[in-house]
Amino acid sequence: MDTKIKVKEILASLLKVKIEELKDDISLQGSIGVDSTEMVESVIALEKSFGVKLNIKEITKGSTINDIANNIQSKLAQ
């Protein structure tokens, strides 16, 4: 499965938004108003789903869906 699609599915379910709202270039905190607690929950869910360790600071500093998917993909390739 495509990493970006899986990221969107996980985030849509966790954040209770429609997957169509999660455009590739949106920032979770800026565009859809994800708060810090939701960001931590999102990181944990992504880590569990993909089996990788993510740096919360990398994910929360205005990262887009593309950035998050690329970050996960690079960790999977290591």
N, C-alpha and C. Protein backbone atom coordinates (compact mmCIF):
# COMPACT_ATOMS: atom_id res chain seq x y z
N MET A 1 0.85 -1.18 0.00
CA MET A 1 0.00 0.00 0.00
C MET A 1 0.89 1.25 0.00
N ASP A 2 0.46 2.25 -0.66
CA ASP A 2 1.18 3.52 -0.72
C ASP A 2 1.24 4.15 0.67
N THR A 3 2.42 4.58 1.07
CA THR A 3 2.62 5.16 2.39
C THR A 3 1.72 6.36 2.64
N LYS A 4 1.63 7.24 1.65
CA LYS A 4 0.83 8.46 1.82
C LYS A 4 -0.65 8.13 2.03
N ILE A 5 -1.15 7.17 1.31
CA ILE A 5 -2.55 6.76 1.46
C ILE A 5 -2.79 6.20 2.87
N LYS A 6 -1.86 5.36 3.32
CA LYS A 6 -2.00 4.78 4.66
C LYS A 6 -1.93 5.87 5.73
N VAL A 7 -1.02 6.83 5.57
CA VAL A 7 -0.93 7.96 6.51
C VAL A 7 -2.26 8.69 6.56
N LYS A 8 -2.82 8.99 5.39
CA LYS A 8 -4.11 9.70 5.34
C LYS A 8 -5.22 8.91 6.01
N GLU A 9 -5.26 7.59 5.78
CA GLU A 9 -6.30 6.76 6.38
C GLU A 9 -6.19 6.77 7.91
N ILE A 10 -4.98 6.65 8.42
CA ILE A 10 -4.76 6.64 9.86
C ILE A 10 -5.17 7.99 10.46
N LEU A 11 -4.69 9.07 9.85
CA LEU A 11 -4.99 10.40 10.38
C LEU A 11 -6.47 10.74 10.27
N ALA A 12 -7.11 10.37 9.16
CA ALA A 12 -8.53 10.65 9.00
C ALA A 12 -9.35 9.95 10.09
N SER A 13 -9.01 8.71 10.36
CA SER A 13 -9.72 7.96 11.39
C SER A 13 -9.48 8.56 12.78
N LEU A 14 -8.24 8.85 13.08
CA LEU A 14 -7.88 9.37 14.40
C LEU A 14 -8.44 10.77 14.63
N LEU A 15 -8.36 11.62 13.62
CA LEU A 15 -8.77 13.02 13.77
C LEU A 15 -10.24 13.25 13.43
N LYS A 16 -10.91 12.18 13.01
CA LYS A 16 -12.33 12.24 12.67
C LYS A 16 -12.63 13.29 11.60
N VAL A 17 -11.84 13.23 10.53
CA VAL A 17 -12.05 14.08 9.35
C VAL A 17 -12.17 13.17 8.14
N LYS A 18 -12.74 13.70 7.08
CA LYS A 18 -12.83 12.95 5.84
C LYS A 18 -11.46 12.90 5.18
N ILE A 19 -11.14 11.75 4.61
CA ILE A 19 -9.84 11.58 3.98
C ILE A 19 -9.61 12.62 2.88
N GLU A 20 -10.69 13.07 2.25
CA GLU A 20 -10.59 14.07 1.18
C GLU A 20 -10.09 15.41 1.71
N GLU A 21 -10.28 15.67 3.01
CA GLU A 21 -9.81 16.91 3.62
C GLU A 21 -8.30 16.92 3.80
N LEU A 22 -7.68 15.77 3.78
CA LEU A 22 -6.25 15.65 4.02
C LEU A 22 -5.49 15.73 2.70
N LYS A 23 -5.37 16.94 2.20
CA LYS A 23 -4.62 17.18 0.96
C LYS A 23 -3.13 16.99 1.22
N ASP A 24 -2.41 16.61 0.19
CA ASP A 24 -0.98 16.30 0.32
C ASP A 24 -0.16 17.45 0.89
N ASP A 25 -0.53 18.68 0.58
CA ASP A 25 0.30 19.82 0.96
C ASP A 25 -0.23 20.62 2.15
N ILE A 26 -1.16 20.04 2.93
CA ILE A 26 -1.66 20.78 4.09
C ILE A 26 -0.83 20.49 5.32
N SER A 27 -0.75 21.47 6.19
CA SER A 27 -0.11 21.32 7.49
C SER A 27 -1.21 20.92 8.48
N LEU A 28 -0.98 19.88 9.23
CA LEU A 28 -2.02 19.41 10.16
C LEU A 28 -2.37 20.47 11.19
N GLN A 29 -1.36 21.11 11.76
CA GLN A 29 -1.63 22.10 12.79
C GLN A 29 -2.23 23.38 12.21
N GLY A 30 -1.74 23.81 11.07
CA GLY A 30 -2.21 25.07 10.51
C GLY A 30 -3.53 24.94 9.76
N SER A 31 -3.63 23.95 8.90
CA SER A 31 -4.78 23.87 8.01
C SER A 31 -6.03 23.27 8.63
N ILE A 32 -5.87 22.23 9.43
CA ILE A 32 -7.08 21.62 10.01
C ILE A 32 -7.13 21.75 11.52
N GLY A 33 -6.22 22.51 12.10
CA GLY A 33 -6.29 22.85 13.52
C GLY A 33 -6.05 21.72 14.49
N VAL A 34 -5.13 20.84 14.18
CA VAL A 34 -4.81 19.74 15.08
C VAL A 34 -4.05 20.31 16.28
N ASP A 35 -4.49 19.98 17.49
CA ASP A 35 -3.80 20.49 18.68
C ASP A 35 -2.64 19.57 19.07
N SER A 36 -1.90 19.97 20.09
CA SER A 36 -0.69 19.24 20.45
C SER A 36 -0.99 17.81 20.94
N THR A 37 -2.09 17.64 21.64
CA THR A 37 -2.46 16.29 22.10
C THR A 37 -2.78 15.39 20.91
N GLU A 38 -3.52 15.92 19.96
CA GLU A 38 -3.85 15.15 18.76
C GLU A 38 -2.59 14.83 17.95
N MET A 39 -1.62 15.75 17.95
CA MET A 39 -0.37 15.49 17.23
C MET A 39 0.38 14.33 17.87
N VAL A 40 0.45 14.31 19.19
CA VAL A 40 1.13 13.22 19.88
C VAL A 40 0.42 11.90 19.60
N GLU A 41 -0.91 11.91 19.67
CA GLU A 41 -1.68 10.70 19.37
C GLU A 41 -1.45 10.24 17.93
N SER A 42 -1.35 11.19 17.02
CA SER A 42 -1.12 10.88 15.61
C SER A 42 0.24 10.22 15.42
N VAL A 43 1.26 10.79 16.06
CA VAL A 43 2.61 10.23 15.95
C VAL A 43 2.63 8.80 16.49
N ILE A 44 2.01 8.59 17.64
CA ILE A 44 1.96 7.24 18.24
C ILE A 44 1.26 6.26 17.31
N ALA A 45 0.13 6.67 16.75
CA ALA A 45 -0.62 5.79 15.84
C ALA A 45 0.20 5.47 14.59
N LEU A 46 0.89 6.46 14.05
CA LEU A 46 1.73 6.23 12.86
C LEU A 46 2.90 5.31 13.20
N GLU A 47 3.52 5.52 14.35
CA GLU A 47 4.63 4.66 14.76
C GLU A 47 4.19 3.21 14.89
N LYS A 48 3.06 2.99 15.53
CA LYS A 48 2.54 1.63 15.71
C LYS A 48 2.20 1.00 14.37
N SER A 49 1.57 1.77 13.50
CA SER A 49 1.12 1.23 12.22
C SER A 49 2.29 0.88 11.30
N PHE A 50 3.29 1.74 11.27
CA PHE A 50 4.42 1.53 10.35
C PHE A 50 5.61 0.83 10.99
N GLY A 51 5.63 0.72 12.32
CA GLY A 51 6.73 0.07 13.00
C GLY A 51 8.03 0.86 12.95
N VAL A 52 7.91 2.20 12.97
CA VAL A 52 9.09 3.07 12.96
C VAL A 52 9.02 4.04 14.13
N LYS A 53 10.16 4.62 14.47
CA LYS A 53 10.22 5.64 15.52
C LYS A 53 10.28 7.00 14.84
N LEU A 54 9.32 7.86 15.15
CA LEU A 54 9.26 9.19 14.54
C LEU A 54 9.66 10.24 15.56
N ASN A 55 10.31 11.26 15.09
CA ASN A 55 10.70 12.39 15.93
C ASN A 55 9.52 13.36 15.95
N ILE A 56 8.94 13.55 17.11
CA ILE A 56 7.75 14.41 17.22
C ILE A 56 8.01 15.81 16.71
N LYS A 57 9.21 16.34 16.93
CA LYS A 57 9.53 17.68 16.47
C LYS A 57 9.54 17.77 14.95
N GLU A 58 9.99 16.72 14.28
CA GLU A 58 9.98 16.70 12.81
C GLU A 58 8.55 16.71 12.27
N ILE A 59 7.67 16.04 12.97
CA ILE A 59 6.29 15.92 12.51
C ILE A 59 5.48 17.18 12.82
N THR A 60 5.76 17.83 13.94
CA THR A 60 4.92 18.95 14.36
C THR A 60 5.34 20.30 13.82
N LYS A 61 6.50 20.44 13.27
CA LYS A 61 6.95 21.77 12.83
C LYS A 61 6.40 22.16 11.46
N GLY A 62 5.11 22.13 11.33
CA GLY A 62 4.48 22.55 10.08
C GLY A 62 4.56 21.53 8.97
N SER A 63 4.81 20.29 9.32
CA SER A 63 4.92 19.24 8.32
C SER A 63 3.61 19.04 7.57
N THR A 64 3.74 18.77 6.29
CA THR A 64 2.58 18.46 5.46
C THR A 64 2.39 16.94 5.43
N ILE A 65 1.30 16.51 4.86
CA ILE A 65 1.07 15.07 4.67
C ILE A 65 2.23 14.47 3.86
N ASN A 66 2.66 15.18 2.82
CA ASN A 66 3.80 14.72 2.01
C ASN A 66 5.04 14.55 2.87
N ASP A 67 5.33 15.54 3.71
CA ASP A 67 6.51 15.49 4.58
C ASP A 67 6.46 14.28 5.52
N ILE A 68 5.30 14.07 6.11
CA ILE A 68 5.14 12.96 7.05
C ILE A 68 5.33 11.62 6.33
N ALA A 69 4.70 11.47 5.17
CA ALA A 69 4.83 10.23 4.40
C ALA A 69 6.28 10.01 3.96
N ASN A 70 6.96 11.07 3.52
CA ASN A 70 8.36 10.95 3.10
C ASN A 70 9.25 10.58 4.28
N ASN A 71 8.98 11.17 5.44
CA ASN A 71 9.74 10.86 6.64
C ASN A 71 9.60 9.38 6.99
N ILE A 72 8.38 8.88 6.97
CA ILE A 72 8.13 7.47 7.27
C ILE A 72 8.80 6.58 6.23
N GLN A 73 8.65 6.95 4.96
CA GLN A 73 9.24 6.14 3.88
C GLN A 73 10.76 6.05 4.03
N SER A 74 11.40 7.16 4.38
CA SER A 74 12.86 7.12 4.54
C SER A 74 13.27 6.25 5.71
N LYS A 75 12.48 6.25 6.78
CA LYS A 75 12.79 5.40 7.93
C LYS A 75 12.56 3.92 7.60
N LEU A 76 11.56 3.64 6.78
CA LEU A 76 11.31 2.26 6.37
C LEU A 76 12.43 1.73 5.48
N ALA A 77 13.06 2.61 4.73
CA ALA A 77 14.12 2.23 3.80
C ALA A 77 15.45 1.97 4.51
N GLN A 78 15.57 2.43 5.75
CA GLN A 78 16.84 2.27 6.49
C GLN A 78 17.05 0.86 6.93
